[in-house]
Every structure is written in C-alpha cells, then in structure tokens.
Amino acid sequence: MTAIVEVRDLTKRYNGEKLALKNLSFKIAKGEIIALLGPNGAGKTSLISVICGLTTISQGNVFVSGFDVQADYRNARSLIGLVPQELMLEPFETVMGTVSLSRGLFGKAPNPSYLRGILERLSLWDKRDSPI
C-alpha cells in the first residue's frame, strides 16, 4: 500500500538544544487511522507541526503523498487539513466566509461551487451564513 505520510529518520530540536523528536520513522497508508498518545512533552505537537509544515525539520525527511514538506511545501500543504486544539477564528465571521478565507491563505482563487460541495458533504451547507 502507498504511504500518504512517510516520516524518515526525523529529528526535531528547538533552539539547537531541546530534543523533541529523535530518529523517528514510520508510514501511514491511505485510509489508515492512527492516534498519537503520550504524556506532555512527548513530541506529539512537534510531530504534527513538522508534518503540516508549521515548523522546520532539524534532520530527516517528511513526505505527504510523495511531496517533501520542506522542498515542495505548497504541494504538500495543499493536501493537509489541520484542526488545532485551540481555534482562533473570528467569532462574527460566517462559516462560508471562514472557509473562503482559508483558500486565500494558500493562494487559491475563490471557488464557491467547490466550497458548496465540501460544506454539503460535511452537512454544513444550511449553516453557511451562520456565525462561527
């Protein structure tokens, strides 16, 4: 099975000193469901941040659908959706306004018909004009 996420010999250090991840390697197959479990400070958030391209890699490689998250950042990020633990959204913005804005953050043109399809699949179309 082809890996949708592949981590190879990943090491992450903060400020060149604090070791968050050490020589981590694994693959996640398309359709596979995983869970990250561990105590505070175990590196869960660091790993997610590296995979999503939110922080740099100290050593190793991470690939999303074959795209290197550092060398081919835009293609890798276009395939990733992340819902952070703490959402920092404008409380008065509508559902449609929020998802429209997120396309612009990645340099994508507005596409109302595409967004409608996504919101319909998520059973959120009837909430499109509701505030977040």
Foldseek 3Di string as FASTA:
>chain_A
DDFQKWWAQFWDDDPVDRTQDGGDTDGHHVPDDDDDDDDPSNNPVVVVCVQLLNDDTPDTFMDGNRHTCPPRVLVSNVPDDDDDPDDDDDQADFQQRVVQVVCVVSVHDGDVVVVCVVCVVVVNNVRRGPGD
